[in-house]
C-alpha atoms as a PDB file:
ATOM      1  CA  MET A   1       0.000   0.000   0.000  1.00  0.00           C
ATOM      2  CA  SER A   2       2.875   2.355   0.847  1.00  0.00           C
ATOM      3  CA  ASN A   3       4.463   1.755  -2.573  1.00  0.00           C
ATOM      4  CA  GLU A   4       1.256   2.752  -4.378  1.00  0.00           C
ATOM      5  CA  PHE A   5       0.993   5.906  -2.235  1.00  0.00           C
ATOM      6  CA  GLN A   6       4.619   6.813  -3.048  1.00  0.00           C
ATOM      7  CA  ALA A   7       3.969   6.373  -6.773  1.00  0.00           C
ATOM      8  CA  VAL A   8       0.989   8.748  -6.594  1.00  0.00           C
ATOM      9  CA  GLN A   9       3.078  11.357  -4.774  1.00  0.00           C
ATOM     10  CA  ASP A  10       5.856  11.080  -7.404  1.00  0.00           C
ATOM     11  CA  GLY A  11       3.335  11.569 -10.199  1.00  0.00           C
ATOM     12  CA  ILE A  12       1.855  14.639  -8.528  1.00  0.00           C
ATOM     13  CA  LYS A  13       5.323  16.132  -8.031  1.00  0.00           C
ATOM     14  CA  SER A  14       6.301  15.472 -11.693  1.00  0.00           C
ATOM     15  CA  LEU A  15       3.112  17.155 -12.901  1.00  0.00           C
ATOM     16  CA  GLN A  16       3.763  20.088 -10.570  1.00  0.00           C
ATOM     17  CA  ASP A  17       7.323  20.531 -11.916  1.00  0.00           C
ATOM     18  CA  LYS A  18       6.114  20.361 -15.484  1.00  0.00           C
ATOM     19  CA  LEU A  19       3.352  22.937 -14.944  1.00  0.00           C
ATOM     20  CA  SER A  20       5.753  25.209 -13.075  1.00  0.00           C
ATOM     21  CA  GLY A  21       8.293  25.104 -15.952  1.00  0.00           C
ATOM     22  CA  GLU A  22       5.670  25.846 -18.609  1.00  0.00           C
ATOM     23  CA  LEU A  23       4.238  28.715 -16.580  1.00  0.00           C
ATOM     24  CA  LYS A  24       7.681  30.206 -16.058  1.00  0.00           C
ATOM     25  CA  THR A  25       8.432  30.005 -19.808  1.00  0.00           C
ATOM     26  CA  ALA A  26       5.122  31.645 -20.681  1.00  0.00           C
ATOM     27  CA  LEU A  27       5.701  34.451 -18.176  1.00  0.00           C
ATOM     28  CA  THR A  28       9.202  35.065 -19.529  1.00  0.00           C
ATOM     29  CA  ALA A  29       7.860  35.346 -23.065  1.00  0.00           C
ATOM     30  CA  GLN A  30       5.091  37.665 -21.896  1.00  0.00           C
ATOM     31  CA  ASP A  31       7.626  39.895 -20.109  1.00  0.00           C
ATOM     32  CA  ALA A  32       9.756  40.081 -23.264  1.00  0.00           C
ATOM     33  CA  LYS A  33       6.691  41.043 -25.297  1.00  0.00           C
ATOM     34  CA  TYR A  34       5.770  43.800 -22.862  1.00  0.00           C
ATOM     35  CA  ASP A  35       9.363  45.080 -22.852  1.00  0.00           C
ATOM     36  CA  SER A  36       9.330  45.256 -26.647  1.00  0.00           C
ATOM     37  CA  LEU A  37       6.011  47.088 -26.682  1.00  0.00           C
ATOM     38  CA  LEU A  38       7.306  49.461 -24.015  1.00  0.00           C
ATOM     39  CA  LEU A  39      10.417  50.209 -26.083  1.00  0.00           C
ATOM     40  CA  GLU A  40       8.385  50.872 -29.224  1.00  0.00           C
ATOM     41  CA  LEU A  41       5.844  53.015 -27.360  1.00  0.00           C
ATOM     42  CA  GLY A  42       8.564  55.030 -25.692  1.00  0.00           C
ATOM     43  CA  GLN A  43      10.368  55.724 -28.963  1.00  0.00           C
ATOM     44  CA  LYS A  44       7.188  56.751 -30.719  1.00  0.00           C
ATOM     45  CA  SER A  45       6.546  59.340 -28.075  1.00  0.00           C
ATOM     46  CA  ASP A  46       9.424  61.538 -29.140  1.00  0.00           C
ATOM     47  CA  ARG A  47      11.156  61.594 -32.555  1.00  0.00           C
ATOM     48  CA  LEU A  48      14.306  63.553 -33.286  1.00  0.00           C
ATOM     49  CA  THR A  49      13.558  66.314 -35.812  1.00  0.00           C
ATOM     50  CA  THR A  50      15.867  68.812 -37.430  1.00  0.00           C
ATOM     51  CA  GLY A  51      13.606  71.697 -38.320  1.00  0.00           C
ATOM     52  CA  LYS A  52      14.735  75.284 -38.466  1.00  0.00           C
ATOM     53  CA  SER A  53      14.253  75.758 -34.672  1.00  0.00           C
ATOM     54  CA  ALA A  54      16.025  72.565 -33.607  1.00  0.00           C
ATOM     55  CA  GLY A  55      19.510  74.070 -33.524  1.00  0.00           C
ATOM     56  CA  THR A  56      22.453  71.914 -34.528  1.00  0.00           C
ATOM     57  CA  LEU A  57      22.178  68.208 -35.116  1.00  0.00           C
ATOM     58  CA  GLY A  58      24.276  67.539 -31.973  1.00  0.00           C
ATOM     59  CA  ASP A  59      21.938  69.656 -29.824  1.00  0.00           C
ATOM     60  CA  SER A  60      18.920  67.800 -31.125  1.00  0.00           C
ATOM     61  CA  PHE A  61      20.550  64.453 -30.450  1.00  0.00           C
ATOM     62  CA  ILE A  62      21.479  65.362 -26.820  1.00  0.00           C
ATOM     63  CA  LYS A  63      17.984  66.621 -26.136  1.00  0.00           C
ATOM     64  CA  SER A  64      16.311  63.520 -27.534  1.00  0.00           C
ATOM     65  CA  PHE A  65      18.717  61.116 -25.829  1.00  0.00           C
ATOM     66  CA  ASP A  66      18.173  62.746 -22.450  1.00  0.00           C
ATOM     67  CA  ALA A  67      14.455  62.157 -22.866  1.00  0.00           C
ATOM     68  CA  GLU A  68      15.076  58.489 -23.635  1.00  0.00           C
ATOM     69  CA  ARG A  69      17.850  57.894 -21.051  1.00  0.00           C
ATOM     70  CA  ALA A  70      15.605  55.987 -18.606  1.00  0.00           C
ATOM     71  CA  LEU A  71      14.368  53.750 -21.402  1.00  0.00           C
ATOM     72  CA  PHE A  72      17.960  53.114 -22.504  1.00  0.00           C
ATOM     73  CA  GLN A  73      18.971  52.079 -18.950  1.00  0.00           C
ATOM     74  CA  LYS A  74      16.018  49.668 -18.723  1.00  0.00           C
ATOM     75  CA  THR A  75      16.224  48.009 -22.128  1.00  0.00           C
ATOM     76  CA  GLY A  76      19.867  48.548 -23.097  1.00  0.00           C
ATOM     77  CA  SER A  77      19.021  50.032 -26.512  1.00  0.00           C
ATOM     78  CA  VAL A  78      17.347  53.063 -27.990  1.00  0.00           C
ATOM     79  CA  ARG A  79      16.657  54.130 -31.597  1.00  0.00           C
ATOM     80  CA  LEU A  80      16.489  57.775 -32.640  1.00  0.00           C
ATOM     81  CA  GLU A  81      14.873  58.525 -36.012  1.00  0.00           C
ATOM     82  CA  ILE A  82      16.107  61.619 -37.844  1.00  0.00           C
ATOM     83  CA  LYS A  83      13.619  63.417 -40.043  1.00  0.00           C
ATOM     84  CA  ALA A  84      14.754  66.024 -42.533  1.00  0.00           C
ATOM     85  CA  ALA A  85      13.275  69.460 -42.516  1.00  0.00           C
ATOM     86  CA  THR A  86      10.364  69.887 -44.865  1.00  0.00           C
ATOM     87  CA  ASP A  87      11.018  71.520 -48.253  1.00  0.00           C
ATOM     88  CA  ALA A  88       8.741  72.950 -50.862  1.00  0.00           C
ATOM     89  CA  VAL A  89       7.272  70.315 -53.171  1.00  0.00           C
ATOM     90  CA  THR A  90       8.375  70.810 -56.784  1.00  0.00           C
ATOM     91  CA  THR A  91       7.995  68.893 -60.045  1.00  0.00           C
ATOM     92  CA  SER A  92      11.303  67.140 -59.354  1.00  0.00           C
ATOM     93  CA  SER A  93       9.564  65.221 -56.566  1.00  0.00           C
ATOM     94  CA  GLY A  94       7.175  63.597 -58.985  1.00  0.00           C
ATOM     95  CA  ARG A  95       8.822  63.556 -62.382  1.00  0.00           C
ATOM     96  CA  ASN A  96       6.860  62.095 -65.260  1.00  0.00           C
ATOM     97  CA  VAL A  97       9.349  61.786 -68.108  1.00  0.00           C
ATOM     98  CA  LEU A  98       8.620  60.130 -71.438  1.00  0.00           C
ATOM     99  CA  ASN A  99      11.596  58.348 -73.006  1.00  0.00           C
ATOM    100  CA  GLY A 100      11.902  59.722 -76.511  1.00  0.00           C
ATOM    101  CA  GLY A 101      14.426  57.125 -77.648  1.00  0.00           C
ATOM    102  CA  VAL A 102      17.886  57.517 -79.134  1.00  0.00           C
ATOM    103  CA  GLY A 103      18.643  58.468 -82.729  1.00  0.00           C
ATOM    104  CA  GLY A 104      21.115  56.637 -84.901  1.00  0.00           C
ATOM    105  CA  VAL A 105      21.782  55.431 -88.419  1.00  0.00           C
ATOM    106  CA  GLY A 106      20.715  51.975 -89.522  1.00  0.00           C
ATOM    107  CA  ALA A 107      23.041  49.139 -90.441  1.00  0.00           C
ATOM    108  CA  GLY A 108      20.818  47.192 -92.786  1.00  0.00           C
ATOM    109  CA  ASN A 109      21.744  48.686 -96.170  1.00  0.00           C
ATOM    110  CA  LEU A 110      24.223  46.881 -98.418  1.00  0.00           C
ATOM    111  CA  LEU A 111      26.787  49.563 -99.198  1.00  0.00           C
ATOM    112  CA  GLY A 112      30.354  48.559 -99.882  1.00  0.00           C
ATOM    113  CA  LEU A 113      32.378  46.504-102.341  1.00  0.00           C
ATOM    114  CA  GLN A 114      32.555  43.642 -99.794  1.00  0.00           C
ATOM    115  CA  ASN A 115      28.951  42.813-100.717  1.00  0.00           C
ATOM    116  CA  ALA A 116      30.059  42.001-104.262  1.00  0.00           C
ATOM    117  CA  LEU A 117      32.594  39.370-103.201  1.00  0.00           C
ATOM    118  CA  THR A 118      32.280  35.756-102.169  1.00  0.00           C
ATOM    119  CA  VAL A 119      32.722  35.690 -98.388  1.00  0.00           C
ATOM    120  CA  ARG A 120      34.355  32.696 -96.702  1.00  0.00           C
ATOM    121  CA  PRO A 121      35.316  32.349 -93.021  1.00  0.00           C
ATOM    122  CA  THR A 122      38.947  31.397 -92.332  1.00  0.00           C
ATOM    123  CA  PRO A 123      39.493  31.742 -88.564  1.00  0.00           C
ATOM    124  CA  GLY A 124      43.027  31.622 -87.185  1.00  0.00           C
ATOM    125  CA  THR A 125      44.650  32.739 -90.446  1.00  0.00           C
ATOM    126  CA  THR A 126      47.375  35.373 -90.506  1.00  0.00           C
ATOM    127  CA  ALA A 127      48.081  35.389 -94.252  1.00  0.00           C
ATOM    128  CA  VAL A 128      47.047  33.571 -97.426  1.00  0.00           C
ATOM    129  CA  GLU A 129      49.464  32.387-100.091  1.00  0.00           C
ATOM    130  CA  TYR A 130      47.996  31.653-103.518  1.00  0.00           C
ATOM    131  CA  SER A 131      48.914  31.680-107.211  1.00  0.00           C
ATOM    132  CA  ARG A 132      47.351  34.471-109.243  1.00  0.00           C
ATOM    133  CA  TYR A 133      46.671  33.701-112.900  1.00  0.00           C
ATOM    134  CA  THR A 134      48.349  36.355-115.062  1.00  0.00           C
ATOM    135  CA  GLY A 135      47.859  34.941-118.564  1.00  0.00           C
ATOM    136  CA  GLN A 136      48.870  32.016-120.752  1.00  0.00           C
ATOM    137  CA  GLN A 137      51.560  31.047-123.179  1.00  0.00           C
ATOM    138  CA  GLY A 138      50.596  29.501-126.472  1.00  0.00           C
ATOM    139  CA  ALA A 139      47.183  28.396-127.646  1.00  0.00           C
ATOM    140  CA  ALA A 140      45.471  25.237-128.785  1.00  0.00           C
ATOM    141  CA  ALA A 141      45.551  24.640-132.567  1.00  0.00           C
ATOM    142  CA  ILE A 142      44.554  22.100-135.186  1.00  0.00           C
ATOM    143  CA  GLN A 143      47.122  19.356-135.519  1.00  0.00           C
ATOM    144  CA  ALA A 144      49.039  19.744-138.756  1.00  0.00           C
ATOM    145  CA  GLY A 145      48.779  16.050-139.543  1.00  0.00           C
ATOM    146  CA  GLU A 146      49.163  12.579-138.145  1.00  0.00           C
ATOM    147  CA  GLY A 147      52.385  12.319-136.204  1.00  0.00           C
ATOM    148  CA  ALA A 148      52.865  16.101-136.095  1.00  0.00           C
ATOM    149  CA  GLY A 149      53.486  17.920-132.806  1.00  0.00           C
ATOM    150  CA  LYS A 150      50.621  19.372-130.784  1.00  0.00           C
ATOM    151  CA  ALA A 151      50.306  23.032-129.801  1.00  0.00           C
ATOM    152  CA  ALA A 152      51.623  23.869-126.331  1.00  0.00           C
ATOM    153  CA  VAL A 153      49.517  25.771-123.817  1.00  0.00           C
ATOM    154  CA  ARG A 154      50.712  26.856-120.394  1.00  0.00           C
ATOM    155  CA  PRO A 155      49.164  29.212-117.831  1.00  0.00           C
ATOM    156  CA  ASP A 156      51.347  31.744-116.077  1.00  0.00           C
ATOM    157  CA  HIS A 157      50.963  32.472-112.356  1.00  0.00           C
ATOM    158  CA  SER A 158      52.417  34.829-109.779  1.00  0.00           C
ATOM    159  CA  LEU A 159      52.820  33.758-106.185  1.00  0.00           C
ATOM    160  CA  ILE A 160      50.884  36.145-103.945  1.00  0.00           C
ATOM    161  CA  THR A 161      51.105  36.418-100.148  1.00  0.00           C
ATOM    162  CA  GLN A 162      48.282  38.490 -98.747  1.00  0.00           C
ATOM    163  CA  THR A 163      48.250  39.366 -95.043  1.00  0.00           C
ATOM    164  CA  ALA A 164      45.112  39.988 -93.000  1.00  0.00           C
ATOM    165  CA  MET A 165      43.862  43.565 -92.682  1.00  0.00           C
ATOM    166  CA  THR A 166      42.478  44.753 -89.344  1.00  0.00           C
ATOM    167  CA  ILE A 167      39.641  47.276 -89.534  1.00  0.00           C
ATOM    168  CA  ALA A 168      38.647  48.791 -86.188  1.00  0.00           C
ATOM    169  CA  GLY A 169      37.117  51.775 -84.451  1.00  0.00           C
ATOM    170  CA  PHE A 170      36.178  52.678 -80.876  1.00  0.00           C
ATOM    171  CA  SER A 171      33.889  54.959 -78.893  1.00  0.00           C
ATOM    172  CA  LYS A 172      34.076  56.260 -75.345  1.00  0.00           C
ATOM    173  CA  MET A 173      31.021  56.324 -73.104  1.00  0.00           C
ATOM    174  CA  SER A 174      30.320  56.556 -69.403  1.00  0.00           C
ATOM    175  CA  ARG A 175      29.453  53.415 -67.494  1.00  0.00           C
ATOM    176  CA  GLN A 176      26.182  55.010 -66.386  1.00  0.00           C
ATOM    177  CA  ALA A 177      25.162  55.712 -69.985  1.00  0.00           C
ATOM    178  CA  MET A 178      25.980  52.168 -71.019  1.00  0.00           C
ATOM    179  CA  THR A 179      24.031  50.721 -68.079  1.00  0.00           C
ATOM    180  CA  ASP A 180      21.053  53.087 -68.137  1.00  0.00           C
ATOM    181  CA  SER A 181      20.342  53.209 -71.875  1.00  0.00           C
ATOM    182  CA  ALA A 182      20.321  50.055 -73.920  1.00  0.00           C
ATOM    183  CA  GLU A 183      19.237  52.173 -76.889  1.00  0.00           C
ATOM    184  CA  LEU A 184      22.343  54.350 -76.603  1.00  0.00           C
ATOM    185  CA  LYS A 185      24.570  51.283 -76.427  1.00  0.00           C
ATOM    186  CA  ARG A 186      22.857  49.859 -79.496  1.00  0.00           C
ATOM    187  CA  ALA A 187      23.238  53.156 -81.361  1.00  0.00           C
ATOM    188  CA  ILE A 188      26.987  53.137 -80.678  1.00  0.00           C
ATOM    189  CA  ASP A 189      27.252  49.496 -81.756  1.00  0.00           C
ATOM    190  CA  THR A 190      25.414  50.290 -84.991  1.00  0.00           C
ATOM    191  CA  THR A 191      27.554  53.352 -85.665  1.00  0.00           C
ATOM    192  CA  LEU A 192      30.727  51.318 -85.147  1.00  0.00           C
ATOM    193  CA  THR A 193      29.402  48.623 -87.480  1.00  0.00           C
ATOM    194  CA  ARG A 194      28.715  51.098 -90.271  1.00  0.00           C
ATOM    195  CA  SER A 195      32.024  52.879 -89.729  1.00  0.00           C
ATOM    196  CA  VAL A 196      34.044  49.648 -89.881  1.00  0.00           C
ATOM    197  CA  ASN A 197      32.145  48.493 -92.977  1.00  0.00           C
ATOM    198  CA  SER A 198      32.803  51.866 -94.620  1.00  0.00           C
ATOM    199  CA  ALA A 199      36.532  51.608 -93.848  1.00  0.00           C
ATOM    200  CA  LEU A 200      36.554  48.059 -95.257  1.00  0.00           C
ATOM    201  CA  ASP A 201      34.938  49.322 -98.459  1.00  0.00           C
ATOM    202  CA  VAL A 202      37.672  51.948 -98.827  1.00  0.00           C
ATOM    203  CA  ALA A 203      40.421  49.376 -98.194  1.00  0.00           C
ATOM    204  CA  LEU A 204      38.994  46.938-100.742  1.00  0.00           C
ATOM    205  CA  THR A 205      38.346  49.549-103.430  1.00  0.00           C
ATOM    206  CA  THR A 206      41.338  51.874-103.212  1.00  0.00           C
ATOM    207  CA  GLY A 207      43.720  49.912-100.977  1.00  0.00           C
ATOM    208  CA  GLY A 208      45.100  49.929 -97.467  1.00  0.00           C
ATOM    209  CA  THR A 209      48.018  48.592 -95.445  1.00  0.00           C
ATOM    210  CA  GLY A 210      49.136  45.328 -97.056  1.00  0.00           C
ATOM    211  CA  PHE A 211      46.746  45.740-100.001  1.00  0.00           C
ATOM    212  CA  THR A 212      48.168  48.608-102.019  1.00  0.00           C
ATOM    213  CA  GLY A 213      45.814  50.122-104.590  1.00  0.00           C
ATOM    214  CA  GLY A 214      42.921  47.810-103.802  1.00  0.00           C
ATOM    215  CA  PHE A 215      40.852  45.996-106.398  1.00  0.00           C
ATOM    216  CA  THR A 216      40.671  49.061-108.655  1.00  0.00           C
ATOM    217  CA  ALA A 217      44.460  48.863-109.096  1.00  0.00           C
ATOM    218  CA  LEU A 218      44.228  45.140-109.896  1.00  0.00           C
ATOM    219  CA  ALA A 219      41.332  45.594-112.337  1.00  0.00           C
ATOM    220  CA  THR A 220      41.948  45.873-116.058  1.00  0.00           C
ATOM    221  CA  VAL A 221      41.204  49.373-117.326  1.00  0.00           C
ATOM    222  CA  SER A 222      38.427  49.331-119.935  1.00  0.00           C
ATOM    223  CA  THR A 223      37.629  52.672-121.553  1.00  0.00           C
ATOM    224  CA  SER A 224      34.987  52.526-124.260  1.00  0.00           C
ATOM    225  CA  LEU A 225      35.730  54.201-127.567  1.00  0.00           C
ATOM    226  CA  VAL A 226      32.155  53.868-128.750  1.00  0.00           C
ATOM    227  CA  TYR A 227      29.589  54.200-125.933  1.00  0.00           C
ATOM    228  CA  ASP A 228      29.278  57.415-123.971  1.00  0.00           C
ATOM    229  CA  THR A 229      26.764  56.109-121.404  1.00  0.00           C
ATOM    230  CA  LEU A 230      27.933  54.091-118.419  1.00  0.00           C
ATOM    231  CA  VAL A 231      25.354  51.325-118.859  1.00  0.00           C
ATOM    232  CA  ASP A 232      26.353  50.680-122.483  1.00  0.00           C
ATOM    233  CA  ALA A 233      30.064  50.841-121.630  1.00  0.00           C
ATOM    234  CA  ILE A 234      29.482  48.187-118.950  1.00  0.00           C
ATOM    235  CA  SER A 235      27.736  45.928-121.475  1.00  0.00           C
ATOM    236  CA  GLU A 236      30.687  46.354-123.850  1.00  0.00           C
ATOM    237  CA  ALA A 237      33.072  45.338-121.058  1.00  0.00           C
ATOM    238  CA  VAL A 238      30.906  42.277-120.306  1.00  0.00           C
ATOM    239  CA  ALA A 239      31.369  41.115-123.882  1.00  0.00           C
ATOM    240  CA  SER A 240      35.126  41.704-123.701  1.00  0.00           C
ATOM    241  CA  MET A 241      35.421  39.720-120.473  1.00  0.00           C
ATOM    242  CA  GLN A 242      33.417  36.858-121.916  1.00  0.00           C
ATOM    243  CA  VAL A 243      35.787  36.701-124.875  1.00  0.00           C
ATOM    244  CA  ALA A 244      38.686  36.549-122.398  1.00  0.00           C
ATOM    245  CA  GLY A 245      37.106  33.559-120.665  1.00  0.00           C
ATOM    246  CA  PHE A 246      35.401  35.228-117.705  1.00  0.00           C
ATOM    247  CA  ASN A 247      31.741  35.394-116.742  1.00  0.00           C
ATOM    248  CA  PRO A 248      31.049  38.743-115.010  1.00  0.00           C
ATOM    249  CA  ASP A 249      28.029  38.673-112.717  1.00  0.00           C
ATOM    250  CA  VAL A 250      28.377  41.730-110.430  1.00  0.00           C
ATOM    251  CA  VAL A 251      28.909  45.421-111.067  1.00  0.00           C
ATOM    252  CA  SER A 252      29.758  47.983-108.394  1.00  0.00           C
ATOM    253  CA  VAL A 253      28.908  51.626-109.031  1.00  0.00           C
ATOM    254  CA  ASN A 254      28.804  54.853-107.078  1.00  0.00           C
ATOM    255  CA  PRO A 255      25.339  55.708-105.653  1.00  0.00           C
ATOM    256  CA  ALA A 256      25.345  58.945-107.674  1.00  0.00           C
ATOM    257  CA  ASP A 257      25.859  57.028-110.941  1.00  0.00           C
ATOM    258  CA  TRP A 258      23.174  54.515-110.000  1.00  0.00           C
ATOM    259  CA  LEU A 259      20.762  57.388-109.366  1.00  0.00           C
ATOM    260  CA  ALA A 260      21.488  58.762-112.840  1.00  0.00           C
ATOM    261  CA  VAL A 261      20.798  55.316-114.321  1.00  0.00           C
ATOM    262  CA  VAL A 262      17.443  54.738-112.611  1.00  0.00           C
ATOM    263  CA  VAL A 263      16.054  58.231-113.350  1.00  0.00           C
ATOM    264  CA  ALA A 264      17.209  58.364-116.963  1.00  0.00           C
ATOM    265  CA  LYS A 265      14.343  59.142-119.412  1.00  0.00           C
ATOM    266  CA  GLY A 266      13.859  58.538-123.072  1.00  0.00           C
ATOM    267  CA  THR A 267      14.033  61.543-125.395  1.00  0.00           C
ATOM    268  CA  ALA A 268      10.976  60.563-127.435  1.00  0.00           C
ATOM    269  CA  ASN A 269       8.346  59.896-124.756  1.00  0.00           C
ATOM    270  CA  ASP A 270       9.949  60.955-121.460  1.00  0.00           C
ATOM    271  CA  HIS A 271       9.392  57.453-120.030  1.00  0.00           C
ATOM    272  CA  TYR A 272      11.816  56.149-117.421  1.00  0.00           C
ATOM    273  CA  LEU A 273      14.258  53.820-119.135  1.00  0.00           C
ATOM    274  CA  SER A 274      14.651  51.716-115.972  1.00  0.00           C
ATOM    275  CA  GLY A 275      10.956  50.806-115.805  1.00  0.00           C
ATOM    276  CA  ASN A 276       7.845  51.823-113.907  1.00  0.00           C
ATOM    277  CA  TYR A 277       7.838  55.350-112.472  1.00  0.00           C
ATOM    278  CA  LEU A 278       6.395  54.185-109.124  1.00  0.00           C
ATOM    279  CA  GLY A 279       8.009  50.761-109.151  1.00  0.00           C
ATOM    280  CA  ALA A 280      10.704  49.569-106.773  1.00  0.00           C
ATOM    281  CA  LEU A 281      14.267  50.558-107.579  1.00  0.00           C
ATOM    282  CA  PRO A 282      15.940  47.824-109.620  1.00  0.00           C
ATOM    283  CA  ILE A 283      18.754  45.804-108.021  1.00  0.00           C
ATOM    284  CA  GLU A 284      20.248  44.560-111.262  1.00  0.00           C
ATOM    285  CA  MET A 285      21.534  46.006-114.508  1.00  0.00           C
ATOM    286  CA  ARG A 286      21.078  43.921-117.650  1.00  0.00           C
ATOM    287  CA  GLY A 287      21.438  40.690-115.717  1.00  0.00           C
ATOM    288  CA  LEU A 288      24.254  41.931-113.455  1.00  0.00           C
ATOM    289  CA  ARG A 289      23.761  42.217-109.698  1.00  0.00           C
ATOM    290  CA  VAL A 290      24.317  45.821-108.623  1.00  0.00           C
ATOM    291  CA  VAL A 291      26.338  46.697-105.512  1.00  0.00           C
ATOM    292  CA  LEU A 292      26.664  50.333-104.452  1.00  0.00           C
ATOM    293  CA  SER A 293      30.012  51.596-103.211  1.00  0.00           C
ATOM    294  CA  PRO A 294      30.654  55.254-102.331  1.00  0.00           C
ATOM    295  CA  THR A 295      34.376  54.618-102.890  1.00  0.00           C
ATOM    296  CA  VAL A 296      34.044  53.694-106.579  1.00  0.00           C
ATOM    297  CA  ALA A 297      34.853  56.865-108.507  1.00  0.00           C
ATOM    298  CA  VAL A 298      31.905  58.724-110.031  1.00  0.00           C
ATOM    299  CA  GLY A 299      31.654  58.037-113.755  1.00  0.00           C
ATOM    300  CA  THR A 300      33.242  54.574-113.512  1.00  0.00           C
ATOM    301  CA  ALA A 301      32.073  51.056-112.671  1.00  0.00           C
ATOM    302  CA  LEU A 302      33.892  48.010-111.341  1.00  0.00           C
ATOM    303  CA  LEU A 303      32.769  44.930-113.280  1.00  0.00           C
ATOM    304  CA  ILE A 304      33.516  41.659-111.458  1.00  0.00           C
ATOM    305  CA  ASP A 305      33.546  37.945-112.065  1.00  0.00           C
ATOM    306  CA  SER A 306      32.903  36.979-108.434  1.00  0.00           C
ATOM    307  CA  ALA A 307      34.182  33.422-108.955  1.00  0.00           C
ATOM    308  CA  HIS A 308      37.747  34.824-109.048  1.00  0.00           C
ATOM    309  CA  ALA A 309      37.563  37.165-106.042  1.00  0.00           C
ATOM    310  CA  GLU A 310      36.992  36.367-102.387  1.00  0.00           C
ATOM    311  CA  LEU A 311      36.926  38.043 -99.021  1.00  0.00           C
ATOM    312  CA  LEU A 312      38.250  35.729 -96.339  1.00  0.00           C
ATOM    313  CA  ILE A 313      36.935  36.635 -92.885  1.00  0.00           C
ATOM    314  CA  VAL A 314      39.588  35.868 -90.271  1.00  0.00           C
ATOM    315  CA  ASP A 315      37.673  37.436 -87.372  1.00  0.00           C
ATOM    316  CA  GLY A 316      34.068  38.448 -87.892  1.00  0.00           C
ATOM    317  CA  PHE A 317      32.920  41.845 -86.721  1.00  0.00           C
ATOM    318  CA  SER A 318      32.730  41.946 -82.939  1.00  0.00           C
ATOM    319  CA  ILE A 319      31.941  44.513 -80.256  1.00  0.00           C
ATOM    320  CA  GLU A 320      34.067  44.506 -77.088  1.00  0.00           C
ATOM    321  CA  VAL A 321      33.836  46.689 -73.986  1.00  0.00           C
ATOM    322  CA  GLY A 322      36.835  47.312 -71.731  1.00  0.00           C
ATOM    323  CA  TYR A 323      38.982  49.812 -69.850  1.00  0.00           C
ATOM    324  CA  VAL A 324      41.812  51.750 -71.503  1.00  0.00           C
ATOM    325  CA  ALA A 325      44.388  53.802 -69.564  1.00  0.00           C
ATOM    326  CA  ASP A 326      42.512  55.794 -66.866  1.00  0.00           C
ATOM    327  CA  ASP A 327      39.007  54.784 -68.016  1.00  0.00           C
ATOM    328  CA  PHE A 328      38.327  53.001 -64.715  1.00  0.00           C
ATOM    329  CA  THR A 329      39.079  55.986 -62.504  1.00  0.00           C
ATOM    330  CA  ASN A 330      37.181  58.302 -64.877  1.00  0.00           C
ATOM    331  CA  ASN A 331      34.131  56.018 -64.855  1.00  0.00           C
ATOM    332  CA  LEU A 332      34.408  55.461 -68.608  1.00  0.00           C
ATOM    333  CA  VAL A 333      34.426  52.406 -70.842  1.00  0.00           C
ATOM    334  CA  THR A 334      35.832  51.940 -74.324  1.00  0.00           C
ATOM    335  CA  VAL A 335      33.545  50.241 -76.857  1.00  0.00           C
ATOM    336  CA  LEU A 336      35.646  48.656 -79.613  1.00  0.00           C
ATOM    337  CA  GLY A 337      34.389  47.351 -82.946  1.00  0.00           C
ATOM    338  CA  GLU A 338      36.859  45.249 -84.931  1.00  0.00           C
ATOM    339  CA  MET A 339      37.214  42.729 -87.736  1.00  0.00           C
ATOM    340  CA  ARG A 340      40.023  41.098 -89.748  1.00  0.00           C
ATOM    341  CA  ALA A 341      39.771  40.127 -93.402  1.00  0.00           C
ATOM    342  CA  ILE A 342      41.953  38.979 -96.301  1.00  0.00           C
ATOM    343  CA  PRO A 343      41.089  40.027 -99.886  1.00  0.00           C
ATOM    344  CA  VAL A 344      41.904  37.481-102.597  1.00  0.00           C
ATOM    345  CA  PHE A 345      42.164  38.185-106.361  1.00  0.00           C
ATOM    346  CA  ARG A 346      42.934  34.976-108.220  1.00  0.00           C
ATOM    347  CA  SER A 347      42.957  35.955-111.885  1.00  0.00           C
ATOM    348  CA  VAL A 348      44.131  39.018-113.739  1.00  0.00           C
ATOM    349  CA  GLY A 349      41.259  40.143-115.983  1.00  0.00           C
ATOM    350  CA  ALA A 350      38.513  39.019-113.588  1.00  0.00           C
ATOM    351  CA  MET A 351      37.728  42.675-112.874  1.00  0.00           C
ATOM    352  CA  ARG A 352      37.417  45.618-115.205  1.00  0.00           C
ATOM    353  CA  LEU A 353      37.356  49.293-114.304  1.00  0.00           C
ATOM    354  CA  VAL A 354      34.890  50.596-116.881  1.00  0.00           C
ATOM    355  CA  THR A 355      34.793  54.189-118.126  1.00  0.00           C
ATOM    356  CA  PRO A 356      32.453  55.382-120.923  1.00  0.00           C
ATOM    357  CA  ALA A 357      33.701  57.290-123.927  1.00  0.00           C
ATOM    358  CA  ALA A 358      33.892  61.039-123.654  1.00  0.00           C
ATOM    359  CA  ALA A 359      30.592  62.594-124.762  1.00  0.00           C
END
């Protein structure tokens, strides 16, 4: 009987200890909650302001802290909120600005002699060595008779080593402008693209470092003695090239000359010779694909058999952004546009620089 009574007493004591612990925990949590509310209520009662009559910031802080000193001693922490003096409300406080965009030229038009050439990627190439056809010795002929010797024919070549040309340009812009305006960044990229393409056109047409004279210097001069219009002189040169064994398929002309061609009118009926008055501008001339190049001299045309000319792209056009010199400390970046290419001209006579007869 005594053992049962002892077991009951132990159970009551265990329950008492458990209830006492839970009550103590609950009271501790409640005290912490009240302390937090007291801290928040005390701080809301007095905020530190810096209006015109508040004196210096140090004076305002001392005054506010003295008012909260008792709270600081009780809780061990105090927060003072600083409010700026009120200012007049202006339109700068609620700006409503419409982004009008960024202007810039387009990059979609096909200007430049590079558009007349066959383009082939050749990454990792520093220079190209090839044999340029310069003519032939002898010619095939009818055999004189059985047992007689045959006619000898032999092509002549010149060994050409052409190094890669680097065409590049750069722009400076602030890091904020590059980050804040994607349109501005795109406008710069487009401008660099057009500028590099324009420089490539100049290098291909009139020459550059490692490519003296360009394709116009390599082309065979063809001045008509009969036709005083550029279109007819080009057709005459086509016939001459075909006789020489070439098949011209592209002609590059200056935009001013192409304008004169497409607006030319007949003398009898004033009709446009190029076709419909309101029709789309033609992109070919008597079966030849037309490529416009501002670098081709006005009054001339570059007639090309594109099977004998190539533009090898070592590094395609790329845009890179980096720091140059003190750009970093000046908060600037340099936007670089660059490409590398190798022009190839395999056969003398595959291009003709056409000039009409003097009127």
